[in-house]
């Protein structure tokens, strides 16, 4: 599985491609959660196998949201700050509305009515 940390706009573009790729059949999972991760400074030396993010040690830091999407083969993610969140949610809602037509309705099962025992008087 490949993992990519993207900026919010490229993330939405890649998410659109994921939805289009699985329009006929398939599943795309999207998760959003609060995170205290931040991007590493670009000028610092990287350790071998280090990820693109590290935990923020300051207790007064503002929390960010991490949004992840996967189709089982490919993973994409983005980090959102509090200022970017409203703009991202609006753009994300447009992506969802554009791809809602490929959802299937859940099949309703008819429940068999249980026979009530007749009471003899």
PDB file of N, CA and C in Angstrom:
ATOM      1  N   UNK A   1       0.834  -1.189   0.000  1.00  0.00           N
ATOM      2  CA  UNK A   1       0.000   0.000   0.000  1.00  0.00           C
ATOM      3  C   UNK A   1       0.875   1.247   0.000  1.00  0.00           C
ATOM      4  N   UNK A   2       0.534   2.160  -0.862  1.00  0.00           N
ATOM      5  CA  UNK A   2       1.265   3.420  -0.894  1.00  0.00           C
ATOM      6  C   UNK A   2       0.527   4.437  -0.051  1.00  0.00           C
ATOM      7  N   UNK A   3       1.280   5.234   0.687  1.00  0.00           N
ATOM      8  CA  UNK A   3       0.670   6.269   1.517  1.00  0.00           C
ATOM      9  C   UNK A   3       1.221   7.617   1.058  1.00  0.00           C
ATOM     10  N   UNK A   4       0.303   8.563   0.850  1.00  0.00           N
ATOM     11  CA  UNK A   4       0.717   9.884   0.399  1.00  0.00           C
ATOM     12  C   UNK A   4       0.094  10.935   1.302  1.00  0.00           C
ATOM     13  N   UNK A   5       0.913  11.864   1.783  1.00  0.00           N
ATOM     14  CA  UNK A   5       0.421  13.003   2.553  1.00  0.00           C
ATOM     15  C   UNK A   5       0.366  14.189   1.603  1.00  0.00           C
ATOM     16  N   UNK A   6      -0.840  14.682   1.373  1.00  0.00           N
ATOM     17  CA  UNK A   6      -1.060  15.731   0.383  1.00  0.00           C
ATOM     18  C   UNK A   6      -1.583  16.995   1.039  1.00  0.00           C
ATOM     19  N   UNK A   7      -1.498  18.084   0.312  1.00  0.00           N
ATOM     20  CA  UNK A   7      -2.156  19.325   0.706  1.00  0.00           C
ATOM     21  C   UNK A   7      -3.660  19.126   0.481  1.00  0.00           C
ATOM     22  N   UNK A   8      -4.517  19.957   1.092  1.00  0.00           N
ATOM     23  CA  UNK A   8      -5.974  19.741   0.982  1.00  0.00           C
ATOM     24  C   UNK A   8      -6.529  19.718  -0.443  1.00  0.00           C
ATOM     25  N   UNK A   9      -6.107  20.642  -1.315  1.00  0.00           N
ATOM     26  CA  UNK A   9      -6.663  20.665  -2.676  1.00  0.00           C
ATOM     27  C   UNK A   9      -6.244  19.446  -3.501  1.00  0.00           C
ATOM     28  N   UNK A  10      -4.957  19.077  -3.525  1.00  0.00           N
ATOM     29  CA  UNK A  10      -4.593  17.841  -4.232  1.00  0.00           C
ATOM     30  C   UNK A  10      -5.248  16.595  -3.622  1.00  0.00           C
ATOM     31  N   UNK A  11      -5.480  16.612  -2.304  1.00  0.00           N
ATOM     32  CA  UNK A  11      -6.169  15.492  -1.656  1.00  0.00           C
ATOM     33  C   UNK A  11      -7.569  15.333  -2.229  1.00  0.00           C
ATOM     34  N   UNK A  12      -8.291  16.441  -2.374  1.00  0.00           N
ATOM     35  CA  UNK A  12      -9.650  16.378  -2.921  1.00  0.00           C
ATOM     36  C   UNK A  12      -9.638  15.897  -4.373  1.00  0.00           C
ATOM     37  N   UNK A  13      -8.612  16.310  -5.138  1.00  0.00           N
ATOM     38  CA  UNK A  13      -8.491  15.839  -6.520  1.00  0.00           C
ATOM     39  C   UNK A  13      -8.262  14.329  -6.557  1.00  0.00           C
ATOM     40  N   UNK A  14      -7.374  13.836  -5.705  1.00  0.00           N
ATOM     41  CA  UNK A  14      -7.100  12.397  -5.651  1.00  0.00           C
ATOM     42  C   UNK A  14      -8.317  11.629  -5.140  1.00  0.00           C
ATOM     43  N   UNK A  15      -9.042  12.205  -4.185  1.00  0.00           N
ATOM     44  CA  UNK A  15     -10.250  11.566  -3.666  1.00  0.00           C
ATOM     45  C   UNK A  15     -11.299  11.441  -4.772  1.00  0.00           C
ATOM     46  N   UNK A  16     -11.427  12.467  -5.588  1.00  0.00           N
ATOM     47  CA  UNK A  16     -12.345  12.420  -6.724  1.00  0.00           C
ATOM     48  C   UNK A  16     -11.950  11.294  -7.673  1.00  0.00           C
ATOM     49  N   UNK A  17     -10.650  11.152  -7.922  1.00  0.00           N
ATOM     50  CA  UNK A  17     -10.177  10.072  -8.799  1.00  0.00           C
ATOM     51  C   UNK A  17     -10.485   8.703  -8.193  1.00  0.00           C
ATOM     52  N   UNK A  18     -10.328   8.578  -6.865  1.00  0.00           N
ATOM     53  CA  UNK A  18     -10.657   7.309  -6.203  1.00  0.00           C
ATOM     54  C   UNK A  18     -12.135   6.973  -6.391  1.00  0.00           C
ATOM     55  N   UNK A  19     -13.004   7.959  -6.169  1.00  0.00           N
ATOM     56  CA  UNK A  19     -14.438   7.728  -6.332  1.00  0.00           C
ATOM     57  C   UNK A  19     -14.775   7.352  -7.777  1.00  0.00           C
ATOM     58  N   UNK A  20     -14.161   8.026  -8.743  1.00  0.00           N
ATOM     59  CA  UNK A  20     -14.443   7.735 -10.145  1.00  0.00           C
ATOM     60  C   UNK A  20     -13.938   6.354 -10.533  1.00  0.00           C
ATOM     61  N   UNK A  21     -12.802   5.948  -9.982  1.00  0.00           N
ATOM     62  CA  UNK A  21     -12.232   4.641 -10.279  1.00  0.00           C
ATOM     63  C   UNK A  21     -13.135   3.513  -9.775  1.00  0.00           C
ATOM     64  N   UNK A  22     -13.855   3.758  -8.681  1.00  0.00           N
ATOM     65  CA  UNK A  22     -14.697   2.728  -8.077  1.00  0.00           C
ATOM     66  C   UNK A  22     -16.186   3.025  -8.246  1.00  0.00           C
ATOM     67  N   UNK A  23     -16.524   3.737  -9.303  1.00  0.00           N
ATOM     68  CA  UNK A  23     -17.917   4.130  -9.499  1.00  0.00           C
ATOM     69  C   UNK A  23     -18.821   2.928  -9.754  1.00  0.00           C
ATOM     70  N   UNK A  24     -18.392   1.998 -10.601  1.00  0.00           N
ATOM     71  CA  UNK A  24     -19.217   0.832 -10.910  1.00  0.00           C
ATOM     72  C   UNK A  24     -19.282  -0.148  -9.757  1.00  0.00           C
ATOM     73  N   UNK A  25     -18.145  -0.443  -9.187  1.00  0.00           N
ATOM     74  CA  UNK A  25     -18.083  -1.398  -8.076  1.00  0.00           C
ATOM     75  C   UNK A  25     -16.846  -1.077  -7.254  1.00  0.00           C
ATOM     76  N   UNK A  26     -16.940  -1.315  -5.981  1.00  0.00           N
ATOM     77  CA  UNK A  26     -15.803  -1.063  -5.107  1.00  0.00           C
ATOM     78  C   UNK A  26     -16.187  -0.147  -3.970  1.00  0.00           C
ATOM     79  N   UNK A  27     -15.238   0.044  -3.073  1.00  0.00           N
ATOM     80  CA  UNK A  27     -15.490   0.826  -1.871  1.00  0.00           C
ATOM     81  C   UNK A  27     -14.355   1.804  -1.642  1.00  0.00           C
ATOM     82  N   UNK A  28     -14.706   2.974  -1.161  1.00  0.00           N
ATOM     83  CA  UNK A  28     -13.720   3.972  -0.735  1.00  0.00           C
ATOM     84  C   UNK A  28     -14.054   4.330   0.704  1.00  0.00           C
ATOM     85  N   UNK A  29     -13.085   4.204   1.591  1.00  0.00           N
ATOM     86  CA  UNK A  29     -13.267   4.544   2.999  1.00  0.00           C
ATOM     87  C   UNK A  29     -12.611   5.888   3.267  1.00  0.00           C
ATOM     88  N   UNK A  30     -13.324   6.761   3.969  1.00  0.00           N
ATOM     89  CA  UNK A  30     -12.787   8.068   4.351  1.00  0.00           C
ATOM     90  C   UNK A  30     -12.942   8.207   5.859  1.00  0.00           C
ATOM     91  N   UNK A  31     -11.853   8.584   6.531  1.00  0.00           N
ATOM     92  CA  UNK A  31     -11.909   8.808   7.977  1.00  0.00           C
ATOM     93  C   UNK A  31     -11.378  10.198   8.275  1.00  0.00           C
ATOM     94  N   UNK A  32     -11.924  10.807   9.314  1.00  0.00           N
ATOM     95  CA  UNK A  32     -11.500  12.129   9.751  1.00  0.00           C
ATOM     96  C   UNK A  32     -11.391  12.082  11.265  1.00  0.00           C
ATOM     97  N   UNK A  33     -10.257  12.502  11.792  1.00  0.00           N
ATOM     98  CA  UNK A  33     -10.133  12.536  13.248  1.00  0.00           C
ATOM     99  C   UNK A  33      -9.178  13.636  13.677  1.00  0.00           C
ATOM    100  N   UNK A  34      -9.298  13.998  14.940  1.00  0.00           N
ATOM    101  CA  UNK A  34      -8.439  15.032  15.507  1.00  0.00           C
ATOM    102  C   UNK A  34      -7.044  14.458  15.693  1.00  0.00           C
ATOM    103  N   UNK A  35      -6.060  15.288  15.464  1.00  0.00           N
ATOM    104  CA  UNK A  35      -4.689  14.826  15.553  1.00  0.00           C
ATOM    105  C   UNK A  35      -3.817  15.934  16.113  1.00  0.00           C
ATOM    106  N   UNK A  36      -2.743  15.545  16.783  1.00  0.00           N
ATOM    107  CA  UNK A  36      -1.773  16.542  17.215  1.00  0.00           C
ATOM    108  C   UNK A  36      -0.475  16.363  16.440  1.00  0.00           C
ATOM    109  N   UNK A  37      -0.589  15.872  15.210  1.00  0.00           N
ATOM    110  CA  UNK A  37       0.565  15.725  14.339  1.00  0.00           C
ATOM    111  C   UNK A  37       0.807  17.032  13.603  1.00  0.00           C
ATOM    112  N   UNK A  38       2.051  17.273  13.295  1.00  0.00           N
ATOM    113  CA  UNK A  38       2.384  18.447  12.484  1.00  0.00           C
ATOM    114  C   UNK A  38       3.457  18.046  11.496  1.00  0.00           C
ATOM    115  N   UNK A  39       3.615  18.818  10.471  1.00  0.00           N
ATOM    116  CA  UNK A  39       4.622  18.516   9.466  1.00  0.00           C
ATOM    117  C   UNK A  39       6.005  18.799  10.024  1.00  0.00           C
ATOM    118  N   UNK A  40       6.969  17.979   9.620  1.00  0.00           N
ATOM    119  CA  UNK A  40       8.350  18.209  10.033  1.00  0.00           C
ATOM    120  C   UNK A  40       8.910  19.390   9.257  1.00  0.00           C
ATOM    121  N   UNK A  41       9.833  20.137   9.863  1.00  0.00           N
ATOM    122  CA  UNK A  41      10.470  21.216   9.118  1.00  0.00           C
ATOM    123  C   UNK A  41      11.248  20.647   7.938  1.00  0.00           C
ATOM    124  N   UNK A  42      11.223  21.336   6.809  1.00  0.00           N
ATOM    125  CA  UNK A  42      11.863  20.825   5.601  1.00  0.00           C
ATOM    126  C   UNK A  42      13.379  20.866   5.667  1.00  0.00           C
ATOM    127  N   UNK A  43      13.960  21.766   6.435  1.00  0.00           N
ATOM    128  CA  UNK A  43      15.407  21.922   6.465  1.00  0.00           C
ATOM    129  C   UNK A  43      16.134  20.899   7.312  1.00  0.00           C
ATOM    130  N   UNK A  44      15.457  20.206   8.201  1.00  0.00           N
ATOM    131  CA  UNK A  44      16.092  19.269   9.119  1.00  0.00           C
ATOM    132  C   UNK A  44      16.494  17.973   8.452  1.00  0.00           C
ATOM    133  N   UNK A  45      17.456  17.291   9.059  1.00  0.00           N
ATOM    134  CA  UNK A  45      17.893  16.002   8.545  1.00  0.00           C
ATOM    135  C   UNK A  45      16.866  14.942   8.921  1.00  0.00           C
ATOM    136  N   UNK A  46      16.585  14.058   7.982  1.00  0.00           N
ATOM    137  CA  UNK A  46      15.605  13.005   8.234  1.00  0.00           C
ATOM    138  C   UNK A  46      16.310  11.749   8.706  1.00  0.00           C
ATOM    139  N   UNK A  47      15.650  11.030   9.602  1.00  0.00           N
ATOM    140  CA  UNK A  47      16.142   9.725  10.014  1.00  0.00           C
ATOM    141  C   UNK A  47      15.703   8.708   8.966  1.00  0.00           C
ATOM    142  N   UNK A  48      16.388   7.588   8.912  1.00  0.00           N
ATOM    143  CA  UNK A  48      16.019   6.541   7.963  1.00  0.00           C
ATOM    144  C   UNK A  48      14.656   5.979   8.333  1.00  0.00           C
ATOM    145  N   UNK A  49      13.760   5.934   7.370  1.00  0.00           N
ATOM    146  CA  UNK A  49      12.423   5.387   7.606  1.00  0.00           C
ATOM    147  C   UNK A  49      11.498   6.338   8.346  1.00  0.00           C
ATOM    148  N   UNK A  50      11.878   7.584   8.520  1.00  0.00           N
ATOM    149  CA  UNK A  50      11.029   8.541   9.241  1.00  0.00           C
ATOM    150  C   UNK A  50       9.850   8.931   8.367  1.00  0.00           C
ATOM    151  N   UNK A  51       8.715   9.181   9.000  1.00  0.00           N
ATOM    152  CA  UNK A  51       7.507   9.578   8.286  1.00  0.00           C
ATOM    153  C   UNK A  51       7.538  11.086   8.059  1.00  0.00           C
ATOM    154  N   UNK A  52       6.565  11.610   7.337  1.00  0.00           N
ATOM    155  CA  UNK A  52       6.515  13.038   7.045  1.00  0.00           C
ATOM    156  C   UNK A  52       5.925  13.865   8.172  1.00  0.00           C
ATOM    157  N   UNK A  53       5.474  13.228   9.235  1.00  0.00           N
ATOM    158  CA  UNK A  53       4.871  13.947  10.350  1.00  0.00           C
ATOM    159  C   UNK A  53       5.480  13.483  11.658  1.00  0.00           C
ATOM    160  N   UNK A  54       5.407  14.317  12.661  1.00  0.00           N
ATOM    161  CA  UNK A  54       5.870  13.945  13.995  1.00  0.00           C
ATOM    162  C   UNK A  54       4.899  14.504  15.012  1.00  0.00           C
ATOM    163  N   UNK A  55       4.920  13.950  16.213  1.00  0.00           N
ATOM    164  CA  UNK A  55       3.997  14.418  17.238  1.00  0.00           C
ATOM    165  C   UNK A  55       4.423  15.783  17.746  1.00  0.00           C
ATOM    166  N   UNK A  56       3.457  16.618  17.988  1.00  0.00           N
ATOM    167  CA  UNK A  56       3.704  17.950  18.508  1.00  0.00           C
ATOM    168  C   UNK A  56       3.790  17.851  20.026  1.00  0.00           C
ATOM    169  N   UNK A  57       4.903  18.286  20.601  1.00  0.00           N
ATOM    170  CA  UNK A  57       5.121  18.120  22.030  1.00  0.00           C
ATOM    171  C   UNK A  57       4.572  19.271  22.860  1.00  0.00           C
ATOM    172  N   UNK A  58       4.297  20.400  22.247  1.00  0.00           N
ATOM    173  CA  UNK A  58       3.801  21.529  23.028  1.00  0.00           C
ATOM    174  C   UNK A  58       2.334  21.309  23.382  1.00  0.00           C
ATOM    175  N   UNK A  59       1.998  21.542  24.642  1.00  0.00           N
ATOM    176  CA  UNK A  59       0.633  21.280  25.103  1.00  0.00           C
ATOM    177  C   UNK A  59      -0.343  22.362  24.650  1.00  0.00           C
ATOM    178  N   UNK A  60       0.150  23.539  24.303  1.00  0.00           N
ATOM    179  CA  UNK A  60      -0.725  24.641  23.909  1.00  0.00           C
ATOM    180  C   UNK A  60      -0.934  24.689  22.396  1.00  0.00           C
ATOM    181  N   UNK A  61      -0.470  23.668  21.681  1.00  0.00           N
ATOM    182  CA  UNK A  61      -0.587  23.674  20.225  1.00  0.00           C
ATOM    183  C   UNK A  61      -2.043  23.509  19.813  1.00  0.00           C
ATOM    184  N   UNK A  62      -2.406  24.115  18.689  1.00  0.00           N
ATOM    185  CA  UNK A  62      -3.760  23.954  18.192  1.00  0.00           C
ATOM    186  C   UNK A  62      -3.856  22.597  17.491  1.00  0.00           C
ATOM    187  N   UNK A  63      -4.990  21.965  17.672  1.00  0.00           N
ATOM    188  CA  UNK A  63      -5.169  20.642  17.098  1.00  0.00           C
ATOM    189  C   UNK A  63      -5.483  20.741  15.619  1.00  0.00           C
ATOM    190  N   UNK A  64      -5.061  19.744  14.903  1.00  0.00           N
ATOM    191  CA  UNK A  64      -5.323  19.639  13.481  1.00  0.00           C
ATOM    192  C   UNK A  64      -6.191  18.412  13.252  1.00  0.00           C
ATOM    193  N   UNK A  65      -6.777  18.322  12.086  1.00  0.00           N
ATOM    194  CA  UNK A  65      -7.549  17.137  11.705  1.00  0.00           C
ATOM    195  C   UNK A  65      -6.767  16.386  10.639  1.00  0.00           C
ATOM    196  N   UNK A  66      -6.766  15.081  10.753  1.00  0.00           N
ATOM    197  CA  UNK A  66      -6.175  14.264   9.704  1.00  0.00           C
ATOM    198  C   UNK A  66      -7.322  13.579   8.976  1.00  0.00           C
ATOM    199  N   UNK A  67      -7.311  13.700   7.666  1.00  0.00           N
ATOM    200  CA  UNK A  67      -8.333  13.078   6.830  1.00  0.00           C
ATOM    201  C   UNK A  67      -7.621  12.027   5.991  1.00  0.00           C
ATOM    202  N   UNK A  68      -8.115  10.800   6.072  1.00  0.00           N
ATOM    203  CA  UNK A  68      -7.508   9.700   5.330  1.00  0.00           C
ATOM    204  C   UNK A  68      -8.553   9.079   4.418  1.00  0.00           C
ATOM    205  N   UNK A  69      -8.097   8.620   3.263  1.00  0.00           N
ATOM    206  CA  UNK A  69      -8.979   7.910   2.335  1.00  0.00           C
ATOM    207  C   UNK A  69      -8.206   6.742   1.749  1.00  0.00           C
ATOM    208  N   UNK A  70      -8.894   5.631   1.549  1.00  0.00           N
ATOM    209  CA  UNK A  70      -8.266   4.465   0.946  1.00  0.00           C
ATOM    210  C   UNK A  70      -9.301   3.673   0.165  1.00  0.00           C
ATOM    211  N   UNK A  71      -8.811   2.956  -0.828  1.00  0.00           N
ATOM    212  CA  UNK A  71      -9.656   2.018  -1.561  1.00  0.00           C
ATOM    213  C   UNK A  71      -9.185   0.591  -1.317  1.00  0.00           C
ATOM    214  N   UNK A  72      -8.291   0.411  -0.379  1.00  0.00           N
ATOM    215  CA  UNK A  72      -7.731  -0.897  -0.083  1.00  0.00           C
ATOM    216  C   UNK A  72      -6.388  -1.111  -0.747  1.00  0.00           C
ATOM    217  N   UNK A  73      -6.116  -0.378  -1.810  1.00  0.00           N
ATOM    218  CA  UNK A  73      -4.842  -0.494  -2.512  1.00  0.00           C
ATOM    219  C   UNK A  73      -3.993   0.754  -2.346  1.00  0.00           C
ATOM    220  N   UNK A  74      -4.648   1.877  -2.247  1.00  0.00           N
ATOM    221  CA  UNK A  74      -3.962   3.159  -2.225  1.00  0.00           C
ATOM    222  C   UNK A  74      -4.461   3.987  -1.062  1.00  0.00           C
ATOM    223  N   UNK A  75      -3.558   4.633  -0.339  1.00  0.00           N
ATOM    224  CA  UNK A  75      -3.947   5.477   0.793  1.00  0.00           C
ATOM    225  C   UNK A  75      -3.510   6.905   0.523  1.00  0.00           C
ATOM    226  N   UNK A  76      -4.410   7.846   0.819  1.00  0.00           N
ATOM    227  CA  UNK A  76      -4.060   9.260   0.745  1.00  0.00           C
ATOM    228  C   UNK A  76      -4.502   9.912   2.042  1.00  0.00           C
ATOM    229  N   UNK A  77      -3.826  10.979   2.420  1.00  0.00           N
ATOM    230  CA  UNK A  77      -4.195  11.679   3.648  1.00  0.00           C
ATOM    231  C   UNK A  77      -3.797  13.139   3.538  1.00  0.00           C
ATOM    232  N   UNK A  78      -4.407  13.948   4.395  1.00  0.00           N
ATOM    233  CA  UNK A  78      -4.079  15.365   4.474  1.00  0.00           C
ATOM    234  C   UNK A  78      -4.272  15.834   5.902  1.00  0.00           C
ATOM    235  N   UNK A  79      -3.538  16.862   6.266  1.00  0.00           N
ATOM    236  CA  UNK A  79      -3.677  17.488   7.579  1.00  0.00           C
ATOM    237  C   UNK A  79      -4.341  18.842   7.396  1.00  0.00           C
ATOM    238  N   UNK A  80      -5.335  19.128   8.239  1.00  0.00           N
ATOM    239  CA  UNK A  80      -6.067  20.392   8.155  1.00  0.00           C
ATOM    240  C   UNK A  80      -5.911  21.172   9.441  1.00  0.00           C
ATOM    241  N   UNK A  81      -5.630  22.449   9.310  1.00  0.00           N
ATOM    242  CA  UNK A  81      -5.619  23.337  10.460  1.00  0.00           C
ATOM    243  C   UNK A  81      -7.015  23.876  10.699  1.00  0.00           C
ATOM    244  N   UNK A  82      -7.230  24.517  11.840  1.00  0.00           N
ATOM    245  CA  UNK A  82      -8.564  25.053  12.150  1.00  0.00           C
ATOM    246  C   UNK A  82      -9.058  26.077  11.126  1.00  0.00           C
ATOM    247  N   UNK A  83      -8.143  26.839  10.552  1.00  0.00           N
ATOM    248  CA  UNK A  83      -8.549  27.870   9.585  1.00  0.00           C
ATOM    249  C   UNK A  83      -8.962  27.262   8.241  1.00  0.00           C
ATOM    250  N   UNK A  84      -8.377  26.119   7.896  1.00  0.00           N
ATOM    251  CA  UNK A  84      -8.659  25.486   6.606  1.00  0.00           C
ATOM    252  C   UNK A  84      -9.889  24.592   6.649  1.00  0.00           C
ATOM    253  N   UNK A  85     -10.336  24.254   7.846  1.00  0.00           N
ATOM    254  CA  UNK A  85     -11.341  23.205   7.996  1.00  0.00           C
ATOM    255  C   UNK A  85     -12.669  23.538   7.322  1.00  0.00           C
ATOM    256  N   UNK A  86     -13.191  24.731   7.493  1.00  0.00           N
ATOM    257  CA  UNK A  86     -14.496  25.094   6.920  1.00  0.00           C
ATOM    258  C   UNK A  86     -14.449  25.069   5.389  1.00  0.00           C
ATOM    259  N   UNK A  87     -13.375  25.604   4.815  1.00  0.00           N
ATOM    260  CA  UNK A  87     -13.228  25.612   3.359  1.00  0.00           C
ATOM    261  C   UNK A  87     -13.130  24.176   2.832  1.00  0.00           C
ATOM    262  N   UNK A  88     -12.372  23.339   3.531  1.00  0.00           N
ATOM    263  CA  UNK A  88     -12.217  21.945   3.124  1.00  0.00           C
ATOM    264  C   UNK A  88     -13.550  21.206   3.192  1.00  0.00           C
ATOM    265  N   UNK A  89     -14.307  21.413   4.276  1.00  0.00           N
ATOM    266  CA  UNK A  89     -15.589  20.718   4.432  1.00  0.00           C
ATOM    267  C   UNK A  89     -16.549  21.089   3.304  1.00  0.00           C
ATOM    268  N   UNK A  90     -16.549  22.348   2.896  1.00  0.00           N
ATOM    269  CA  UNK A  90     -17.428  22.774   1.803  1.00  0.00           C
ATOM    270  C   UNK A  90     -17.029  22.087   0.494  1.00  0.00           C
ATOM    271  N   UNK A  91     -15.732  22.036   0.213  1.00  0.00           N
ATOM    272  CA  UNK A  91     -15.257  21.386  -1.009  1.00  0.00           C
ATOM    273  C   UNK A  91     -15.487  19.876  -0.947  1.00  0.00           C
ATOM    274  N   UNK A  92     -15.295  19.288   0.221  1.00  0.00           N
ATOM    275  CA  UNK A  92     -15.515  17.850   0.415  1.00  0.00           C
ATOM    276  C   UNK A  92     -16.993  17.496   0.209  1.00  0.00           C
ATOM    277  N   UNK A  93     -17.884  18.362   0.683  1.00  0.00           N
ATOM    278  CA  UNK A  93     -19.323  18.138   0.499  1.00  0.00           C
ATOM    279  C   UNK A  93     -19.681  18.126  -0.989  1.00  0.00           C
ATOM    280  N   UNK A  94     -19.055  18.996  -1.772  1.00  0.00           N
ATOM    281  CA  UNK A  94     -19.306  19.014  -3.215  1.00  0.00           C
ATOM    282  C   UNK A  94     -18.843  17.713  -3.870  1.00  0.00           C
ATOM    283  N   UNK A  95     -17.687  17.205  -3.437  1.00  0.00           N
ATOM    284  CA  UNK A  95     -17.182  15.937  -3.977  1.00  0.00           C
ATOM    285  C   UNK A  95     -18.149  14.806  -3.638  1.00  0.00           C
ATOM    286  N   UNK A  96     -18.629  14.785  -2.395  1.00  0.00           N
ATOM    287  CA  UNK A  96     -19.566  13.730  -1.988  1.00  0.00           C
ATOM    288  C   UNK A  96     -20.870  13.802  -2.775  1.00  0.00           C
ATOM    289  N   UNK A  97     -21.412  15.007  -2.932  1.00  0.00           N
ATOM    290  CA  UNK A  97     -22.672  15.158  -3.663  1.00  0.00           C
ATOM    291  C   UNK A  97     -22.525  14.718  -5.114  1.00  0.00           C
ATOM    292  N   UNK A  98     -21.360  14.975  -5.694  1.00  0.00           N
ATOM    293  CA  UNK A  98     -21.127  14.600  -7.086  1.00  0.00           C
ATOM    294  C   UNK A  98     -21.057  13.086  -7.266  1.00  0.00           C
ATOM    295  N   UNK A  99     -20.692  12.362  -6.216  1.00  0.00           N
ATOM    296  CA  UNK A  99     -20.510  10.914  -6.335  1.00  0.00           C
ATOM    297  C   UNK A  99     -21.535  10.107  -5.547  1.00  0.00           C
ATOM    298  N   UNK A 100     -22.602  10.746  -5.094  1.00  0.00           N
ATOM    299  CA  UNK A 100     -23.641  10.025  -4.355  1.00  0.00           C
ATOM    300  C   UNK A 100     -24.469   9.115  -5.260  1.00  0.00           C
ATOM    301  N   UNK A 101     -24.482   9.374  -6.555  1.00  0.00           N
ATOM    302  CA  UNK A 101     -25.316   8.580  -7.453  1.00  0.00           C
ATOM    303  C   UNK A 101     -24.840   7.138  -7.580  1.00  0.00           C
ATOM    304  N   UNK A 102     -23.601   6.858  -7.216  1.00  0.00           N
ATOM    305  CA  UNK A 102     -23.103   5.490  -7.332  1.00  0.00           C
ATOM    306  C   UNK A 102     -23.373   4.660  -6.079  1.00  0.00           C
ATOM    307  N   UNK A 103     -24.038   5.252  -5.092  1.00  0.00           N
ATOM    308  CA  UNK A 103     -24.385   4.497  -3.891  1.00  0.00           C
ATOM    309  C   UNK A 103     -25.582   3.594  -4.166  1.00  0.00           C
ATOM    310  N   UNK A 104     -25.598   2.456  -3.508  1.00  0.00           N
ATOM    311  CA  UNK A 104     -26.742   1.553  -3.629  1.00  0.00           C
ATOM    312  C   UNK A 104     -27.637   1.729  -2.421  1.00  0.00           C
ATOM    313  N   UNK A 105     -28.940   1.604  -2.652  1.00  0.00           N
ATOM    314  CA  UNK A 105     -29.870   1.619  -1.529  1.00  0.00           C
ATOM    315  C   UNK A 105     -29.754   0.299  -0.794  1.00  0.00           C
ATOM    316  N   UNK A 106     -29.905   0.374   0.501  1.00  0.00           N
ATOM    317  CA  UNK A 106     -29.874  -0.830   1.308  1.00  0.00           C
ATOM    318  C   UNK A 106     -31.172  -1.598   1.085  1.00  0.00           C
ATOM    319  N   UNK A 107     -31.036  -2.892   0.836  1.00  0.00           N
ATOM    320  CA  UNK A 107     -32.226  -3.701   0.600  1.00  0.00           C
ATOM    321  C   UNK A 107     -32.956  -3.919   1.913  1.00  0.00           C
ATOM    322  N   UNK A 108     -34.250  -3.656   1.873  1.00  0.00           N
ATOM    323  CA  UNK A 108     -35.061  -3.850   3.074  1.00  0.00           C
ATOM    324  C   UNK A 108     -35.604  -5.269   3.066  1.00  0.00           C
ATOM    325  N   UNK A 109     -35.440  -5.923   4.171  1.00  0.00           N
ATOM    326  CA  UNK A 109     -35.996  -7.264   4.307  1.00  0.00           C
ATOM    327  C   UNK A 109     -37.369  -7.152   4.943  1.00  0.00           C
ATOM    328  N   UNK A 110     -38.284  -7.909   4.408  1.00  0.00           N
ATOM    329  CA  UNK A 110     -39.618  -7.906   5.004  1.00  0.00           C
ATOM    330  C   UNK A 110     -39.587  -8.821   6.209  1.00  0.00           C
ATOM    331  N   UNK A 111     -40.011  -8.297   7.304  1.00  0.00           N
ATOM    332  CA  UNK A 111     -40.052  -9.102   8.521  1.00  0.00           C
ATOM    333  C   UNK A 111     -41.360  -9.882   8.546  1.00  0.00           C
ATOM    334  N   UNK A 112     -41.222 -11.142   8.818  1.00  0.00           N
ATOM    335  CA  UNK A 112     -42.424 -11.968   8.923  1.00  0.00           C
ATOM    336  C   UNK A 112     -43.068 -11.698  10.266  1.00  0.00           C
ATOM    337  N   UNK A 113     -44.357 -11.466  10.212  1.00  0.00           N
ATOM    338  CA  UNK A 113     -45.073 -11.212  11.463  1.00  0.00           C
ATOM    339  C   UNK A 113     -45.206 -12.525  12.216  1.00  0.00           C
ATOM    340  N   UNK A 114     -44.842 -12.479  13.460  1.00  0.00           N
ATOM    341  CA  UNK A 114     -44.956 -13.686  14.273  1.00  0.00           C
ATOM    342  C   UNK A 114     -46.419 -13.892  14.635  1.00  0.00           C
ATOM    343  N   UNK A 115     -46.822 -15.154  14.544  1.00  0.00           N
ATOM    344  CA  UNK A 115     -48.210 -15.463  14.885  1.00  0.00           C
ATOM    345  C   UNK A 115     -48.374 -15.371  16.386  1.00  0.00           C
ATOM    346  N   UNK A 116     -49.398 -14.668  16.786  1.00  0.00           N
ATOM    347  CA  UNK A 116     -49.683 -14.545  18.214  1.00  0.00           C
ATOM    348  C   UNK A 116     -50.582 -15.706  18.610  1.00  0.00           C
ATOM    349  N   UNK A 117     -50.257 -16.397  19.706  1.00  0.00           N
ATOM    350  CA  UNK A 117     -51.109 -17.518  20.118  1.00  0.00           C
ATOM    351  C   UNK A 117     -52.504 -17.008  20.484  1.00  0.00           C
ATOM    352  N   UNK A 118     -53.499 -17.736  20.001  1.00  0.00           N
ATOM    353  CA  UNK A 118     -54.887 -17.364  20.288  1.00  0.00           C
ATOM    354  C   UNK A 118     -55.189 -17.696  21.738  1.00  0.00           C
ATOM    355  N   UNK A 119     -55.782 -16.763  22.411  1.00  0.00           N
ATOM    356  CA  UNK A 119     -56.125 -16.995  23.819  1.00  0.00           C
ATOM    357  C   UNK A 119     -57.542 -17.527  23.895  1.00  0.00           C
ATOM    358  N   UNK A 120     -57.711 -18.638  24.560  1.00  0.00           N
ATOM    359  CA  UNK A 120     -59.046 -19.236  24.714  1.00  0.00           C
ATOM    360  C   UNK A 120     -59.702 -18.662  25.949  1.00  0.00           C
ATOM    361  N   UNK A 121     -60.939 -18.208  25.813  1.00  0.00           N
ATOM    362  CA  UNK A 121     -61.645 -17.666  26.957  1.00  0.00           C
ATOM    363  C   UNK A 121     -62.730 -18.584  27.412  1.00  0.00           C
TER     364      UNK A 121
END
